[in-house]
Structure formats: structure tokens, C-alpha cells
Amino acid sequence: MECELEVNVAPHRSGSGRLVPPGEAVVLFDGTCKLCNGWAKFIIRHDRAHRIKLATVQSPEGQALLEWAGLPQHEFNTIVLIADHQFHVRSDAMFRIFGRLPAPWRWLRVARIIPGPFRNWMYNKIALNRYRLFGKYDSCQSPSPDHRGRFLKHE
């Protein structure tokens, strides 16, 4: 199922502050998708300043943030960046994540000159076929011991 949400940014909604404090960012991803797990590992490897936390959409924290954003909680086909009480999806989320990474990765934001509808069409084609193209785990992958501090935990 494709996410029907057309708007990339939500207005301020109360309730996200306890999971995503001001100044922090969280990326939500499908914990059973091999491509998505590879993307999470990429973020961990290149975000040396620890500016981005992660949460799987299957986790209680991920489910709470999806609910806060009004996004589907059971059939999920996009990556989400939540920061400053806003959420961003699809290619917009990807470019904003690149913007939080050091050079040379932040330079990839220049590709935003490609029109959004075309970027999101390409994104959706990959997202909807990700299990067939890249594979799927039987269950969410647990963070390795050196990555545990990078994942959002509800206190």
C-alpha cells in the first residue's frame, strides 16, 4: 500500500517533544527491510556527531511517532525524518538526512533540483519493491551493542 499522504511537513503537533526533544532528529525506518537496515547503518557510520537517532517503525517509539504524524502504522512504505516538531517523508526526508551528515554526503542535497513529483515517483517505485529487490528479515534486527545509544528509547 502506498502512503496516501501528499504533504511532506506536518504543522506543530503536541506530544512529539517527549520522544524527540528540540534540536534532535529521529529517522523512522522499516526494521525488517534489508535496504532500510542498510540505510540505518549508513546513517550510524556517517553521522559521527550523533545528530540523528533511529527507531524502527515496529518499535513502540516508532509506532507512537507514526501515530503523532498521522502516518500509516501497519503498512509502511517510506522513511520519515522527525525534527523540530515536523515530519518529512520520501525524498524530502532523504535530502534532509543528507543535510545533517558531513561532507561529502551533505552535497547530495543539490539533487533537490529534480522536481519533487519525479523524485517521489522514483522513491515510491523502489519503496514498493524493496522486499523483492533487496530482501526482508523475518523479524526486526536488534541494534548491535555499539549502536544501542543511537536508537530512540522511550523513558
C-alpha atoms as a PDB file:
ATOM      1  CA  MET A   1       0.000   0.000   0.000  1.00  0.00           C
ATOM      2  CA  GLU A   2       1.345   3.379  -0.945  1.00  0.00           C
ATOM      3  CA  CYS A   3       1.242   6.149   1.632  1.00  0.00           C
ATOM      4  CA  GLU A   4      -1.569   8.493   0.583  1.00  0.00           C
ATOM      5  CA  LEU A   5      -0.142  11.481   2.436  1.00  0.00           C
ATOM      6  CA  GLU A   6       0.686  14.246  -0.046  1.00  0.00           C
ATOM      7  CA  VAL A   7       2.055  16.793   2.414  1.00  0.00           C
ATOM      8  CA  ASN A   8       5.679  16.373   3.477  1.00  0.00           C
ATOM      9  CA  VAL A   9       5.582  18.602   6.550  1.00  0.00           C
ATOM     10  CA  ALA A  10       3.129  18.484   9.421  1.00  0.00           C
ATOM     11  CA  PRO A  11       2.322  21.534  11.481  1.00  0.00           C
ATOM     12  CA  HIS A  12       3.413  21.549  15.090  1.00  0.00           C
ATOM     13  CA  ARG A  13       1.601  18.808  16.971  1.00  0.00           C
ATOM     14  CA  SER A  14       1.841  18.357  20.684  1.00  0.00           C
ATOM     15  CA  GLY A  15       3.174  15.088  22.006  1.00  0.00           C
ATOM     16  CA  SER A  16       6.325  14.571  19.954  1.00  0.00           C
ATOM     17  CA  GLY A  17       8.501  16.501  22.418  1.00  0.00           C
ATOM     18  CA  ARG A  18       8.859  13.683  24.895  1.00  0.00           C
ATOM     19  CA  LEU A  19      10.240  11.342  22.203  1.00  0.00           C
ATOM     20  CA  VAL A  20      12.049  13.879  20.008  1.00  0.00           C
ATOM     21  CA  PRO A  21      13.383  16.762  22.089  1.00  0.00           C
ATOM     22  CA  PRO A  22      14.038  20.120  20.373  1.00  0.00           C
ATOM     23  CA  GLY A  23      17.278  20.102  18.433  1.00  0.00           C
ATOM     24  CA  GLU A  24      17.243  16.336  17.907  1.00  0.00           C
ATOM     25  CA  ALA A  25      16.154  14.345  14.880  1.00  0.00           C
ATOM     26  CA  VAL A  26      14.806  10.821  14.553  1.00  0.00           C
ATOM     27  CA  VAL A  27      14.681   8.671  11.436  1.00  0.00           C
ATOM     28  CA  LEU A  28      11.944   6.033  11.337  1.00  0.00           C
ATOM     29  CA  PHE A  29      12.614   3.011   9.138  1.00  0.00           C
ATOM     30  CA  ASP A  30      11.239  -0.467   8.460  1.00  0.00           C
ATOM     31  CA  GLY A  31      13.199  -2.784  10.751  1.00  0.00           C
ATOM     32  CA  THR A  32      12.508  -5.878   8.619  1.00  0.00           C
ATOM     33  CA  CYS A  33      13.660  -4.343   5.315  1.00  0.00           C
ATOM     34  CA  LYS A  34      17.252  -5.130   4.358  1.00  0.00           C
ATOM     35  CA  LEU A  35      17.558  -1.923   2.325  1.00  0.00           C
ATOM     36  CA  CYS A  36      16.199   0.157   5.216  1.00  0.00           C
ATOM     37  CA  ASN A  37      18.566  -1.511   7.695  1.00  0.00           C
ATOM     38  CA  GLY A  38      21.446  -0.755   5.333  1.00  0.00           C
ATOM     39  CA  TRP A  39      20.347   2.892   5.249  1.00  0.00           C
ATOM     40  CA  ALA A  40      20.238   2.957   9.094  1.00  0.00           C
ATOM     41  CA  LYS A  41      23.783   1.544   9.220  1.00  0.00           C
ATOM     42  CA  PHE A  42      24.871   4.183   6.686  1.00  0.00           C
ATOM     43  CA  ILE A  43      23.474   6.931   8.948  1.00  0.00           C
ATOM     44  CA  ILE A  44      25.223   5.467  12.003  1.00  0.00           C
ATOM     45  CA  ARG A  45      28.529   5.167  10.145  1.00  0.00           C
ATOM     46  CA  HIS A  46      28.499   8.713   8.726  1.00  0.00           C
ATOM     47  CA  ASP A  47      26.719  10.672  11.480  1.00  0.00           C
ATOM     48  CA  ARG A  48      29.760  10.859  13.727  1.00  0.00           C
ATOM     49  CA  ALA A  49      28.290  13.833  15.594  1.00  0.00           C
ATOM     50  CA  HIS A  50      25.306  11.665  16.619  1.00  0.00           C
ATOM     51  CA  ARG A  51      22.828  14.266  15.368  1.00  0.00           C
ATOM     52  CA  ILE A  52      20.331  11.625  14.238  1.00  0.00           C
ATOM     53  CA  LYS A  53      18.650   8.942  16.331  1.00  0.00           C
ATOM     54  CA  LEU A  54      16.892   5.966  14.808  1.00  0.00           C
ATOM     55  CA  ALA A  55      13.745   3.980  15.533  1.00  0.00           C
ATOM     56  CA  THR A  56      12.119   1.134  13.670  1.00  0.00           C
ATOM     57  CA  VAL A  57       8.503   1.651  12.699  1.00  0.00           C
ATOM     58  CA  GLN A  58       7.729  -1.611  14.510  1.00  0.00           C
ATOM     59  CA  SER A  59       9.048  -0.352  17.874  1.00  0.00           C
ATOM     60  CA  PRO A  60       6.739   1.253  20.455  1.00  0.00           C
ATOM     61  CA  GLU A  61       8.589   4.554  19.904  1.00  0.00           C
ATOM     62  CA  GLY A  62       8.219   4.285  16.129  1.00  0.00           C
ATOM     63  CA  GLN A  63       4.527   3.456  16.433  1.00  0.00           C
ATOM     64  CA  ALA A  64       3.970   6.445  18.742  1.00  0.00           C
ATOM     65  CA  LEU A  65       5.701   8.806  16.319  1.00  0.00           C
ATOM     66  CA  LEU A  66       3.802   7.419  13.320  1.00  0.00           C
ATOM     67  CA  GLU A  67       0.558   7.962  15.202  1.00  0.00           C
ATOM     68  CA  TRP A  68       1.631  11.507  16.127  1.00  0.00           C
ATOM     69  CA  ALA A  69       2.369  12.238  12.447  1.00  0.00           C
ATOM     70  CA  GLY A  70      -0.867  10.647  11.242  1.00  0.00           C
ATOM     71  CA  LEU A  71       1.042   8.148   9.085  1.00  0.00           C
ATOM     72  CA  PRO A  72       0.064   4.508   8.496  1.00  0.00           C
ATOM     73  CA  GLN A  73       1.239   2.263  11.305  1.00  0.00           C
ATOM     74  CA  HIS A  74       0.833  -1.153   9.711  1.00  0.00           C
ATOM     75  CA  GLU A  75       1.678  -0.864   6.016  1.00  0.00           C
ATOM     76  CA  PHE A  76       4.651   1.418   5.840  1.00  0.00           C
ATOM     77  CA  ASN A  77       6.460   2.371   2.618  1.00  0.00           C
ATOM     78  CA  THR A  78       8.532   5.445   3.379  1.00  0.00           C
ATOM     79  CA  ILE A  79      11.348   6.733   5.520  1.00  0.00           C
ATOM     80  CA  VAL A  80      10.443   9.510   7.948  1.00  0.00           C
ATOM     81  CA  LEU A  81      12.600  12.229   9.474  1.00  0.00           C
ATOM     82  CA  ILE A  82      11.134  13.933  12.528  1.00  0.00           C
ATOM     83  CA  ALA A  83      12.790  17.114  13.768  1.00  0.00           C
ATOM     84  CA  ASP A  84      11.594  20.373  15.305  1.00  0.00           C
ATOM     85  CA  HIS A  85       8.012  19.088  15.702  1.00  0.00           C
ATOM     86  CA  GLN A  86       7.725  18.418  11.951  1.00  0.00           C
ATOM     87  CA  PHE A  87       7.958  15.284   9.862  1.00  0.00           C
ATOM     88  CA  HIS A  88       9.316  14.777   6.373  1.00  0.00           C
ATOM     89  CA  VAL A  89       8.771  11.741   4.156  1.00  0.00           C
ATOM     90  CA  ARG A  90      10.083  10.170   0.952  1.00  0.00           C
ATOM     91  CA  SER A  91      12.783  12.003  -0.979  1.00  0.00           C
ATOM     92  CA  ASP A  92      12.381  15.154   1.110  1.00  0.00           C
ATOM     93  CA  ALA A  93      13.308  13.137   4.205  1.00  0.00           C
ATOM     94  CA  MET A  94      16.312  11.671   2.397  1.00  0.00           C
ATOM     95  CA  PHE A  95      17.640  15.089   1.410  1.00  0.00           C
ATOM     96  CA  ARG A  96      17.119  16.471   4.909  1.00  0.00           C
ATOM     97  CA  ILE A  97      19.009  13.488   6.330  1.00  0.00           C
ATOM     98  CA  PHE A  98      21.870  14.119   3.902  1.00  0.00           C
ATOM     99  CA  GLY A  99      21.836  17.742   5.096  1.00  0.00           C
ATOM    100  CA  ARG A 100      22.547  16.551   8.649  1.00  0.00           C
ATOM    101  CA  LEU A 101      25.536  14.460   7.569  1.00  0.00           C
ATOM    102  CA  PRO A 102      29.057  15.765   6.978  1.00  0.00           C
ATOM    103  CA  ALA A 103      30.550  16.434   3.550  1.00  0.00           C
ATOM    104  CA  PRO A 104      30.574  14.886   1.011  1.00  0.00           C
ATOM    105  CA  TRP A 105      27.130  13.428   1.838  1.00  0.00           C
ATOM    106  CA  ARG A 106      25.504  16.792   2.507  1.00  0.00           C
ATOM    107  CA  TRP A 107      26.438  17.830  -1.030  1.00  0.00           C
ATOM    108  CA  LEU A 108      23.890  15.335  -2.370  1.00  0.00           C
ATOM    109  CA  ARG A 109      21.213  17.857  -1.427  1.00  0.00           C
ATOM    110  CA  VAL A 110      21.958  19.542  -4.743  1.00  0.00           C
ATOM    111  CA  ALA A 111      19.879  16.798  -6.383  1.00  0.00           C
ATOM    112  CA  ARG A 112      16.801  18.511  -4.924  1.00  0.00           C
ATOM    113  CA  ILE A 113      16.712  20.468  -8.179  1.00  0.00           C
ATOM    114  CA  ILE A 114      14.984  17.390  -9.610  1.00  0.00           C
ATOM    115  CA  PRO A 115      11.247  18.110  -9.355  1.00  0.00           C
ATOM    116  CA  GLY A 116       9.637  16.632  -6.225  1.00  0.00           C
ATOM    117  CA  PRO A 117       6.924  14.638  -8.027  1.00  0.00           C
ATOM    118  CA  PHE A 118       9.562  12.835 -10.131  1.00  0.00           C
ATOM    119  CA  ARG A 119      11.842  12.250  -7.098  1.00  0.00           C
ATOM    120  CA  ASN A 120       8.927  10.808  -5.121  1.00  0.00           C
ATOM    121  CA  TRP A 121       7.764   8.671  -8.064  1.00  0.00           C
ATOM    122  CA  MET A 122      11.255   7.120  -8.192  1.00  0.00           C
ATOM    123  CA  TYR A 123      11.324   6.777  -4.412  1.00  0.00           C
ATOM    124  CA  ASN A 124       7.921   5.051  -4.374  1.00  0.00           C
ATOM    125  CA  LYS A 125       8.943   2.582  -7.110  1.00  0.00           C
ATOM    126  CA  ILE A 126      11.901   1.449  -5.003  1.00  0.00           C
ATOM    127  CA  ALA A 127       9.976   1.516  -1.699  1.00  0.00           C
ATOM    128  CA  LEU A 128       7.105  -0.574  -3.013  1.00  0.00           C
ATOM    129  CA  ASN A 129       9.502  -3.199  -4.413  1.00  0.00           C
ATOM    130  CA  ARG A 130      12.158  -3.100  -1.700  1.00  0.00           C
ATOM    131  CA  TYR A 131      11.492  -6.587  -0.299  1.00  0.00           C
ATOM    132  CA  ARG A 132      11.608  -8.166  -3.741  1.00  0.00           C
ATOM    133  CA  LEU A 133      14.735  -6.249  -4.772  1.00  0.00           C
ATOM    134  CA  PHE A 134      16.732  -6.298  -1.523  1.00  0.00           C
ATOM    135  CA  GLY A 135      15.113  -8.896   0.724  1.00  0.00           C
ATOM    136  CA  LYS A 136      13.374  -8.952   4.076  1.00  0.00           C
ATOM    137  CA  TYR A 137      14.291 -10.183   7.543  1.00  0.00           C
ATOM    138  CA  ASP A 138      11.850 -12.438   9.396  1.00  0.00           C
ATOM    139  CA  SER A 139      11.846 -10.002  12.325  1.00  0.00           C
ATOM    140  CA  CYS A 140      13.278  -6.611  13.268  1.00  0.00           C
ATOM    141  CA  GLN A 141      17.026  -6.623  13.592  1.00  0.00           C
ATOM    142  CA  SER A 142      18.364  -5.732  17.027  1.00  0.00           C
ATOM    143  CA  PRO A 143      20.963  -2.994  17.182  1.00  0.00           C
ATOM    144  CA  SER A 144      24.492  -4.213  17.715  1.00  0.00           C
ATOM    145  CA  PRO A 145      25.935  -3.333  21.156  1.00  0.00           C
ATOM    146  CA  ASP A 146      27.913  -0.367  19.776  1.00  0.00           C
ATOM    147  CA  HIS A 147      24.745   1.062  18.153  1.00  0.00           C
ATOM    148  CA  ARG A 148      22.363   0.908  21.092  1.00  0.00           C
ATOM    149  CA  GLY A 149      22.811   4.578  22.039  1.00  0.00           C
ATOM    150  CA  ARG A 150      21.807   5.575  18.520  1.00  0.00           C
ATOM    151  CA  PHE A 151      18.271   4.216  18.835  1.00  0.00           C
ATOM    152  CA  LEU A 152      15.381   6.115  20.362  1.00  0.00           C
ATOM    153  CA  LYS A 153      14.203   4.731  23.666  1.00  0.00           C
ATOM    154  CA  HIS A 154      11.087   5.828  25.487  1.00  0.00           C
ATOM    155  CA  GLU A 155      11.913   6.812  29.051  1.00  0.00           C
END
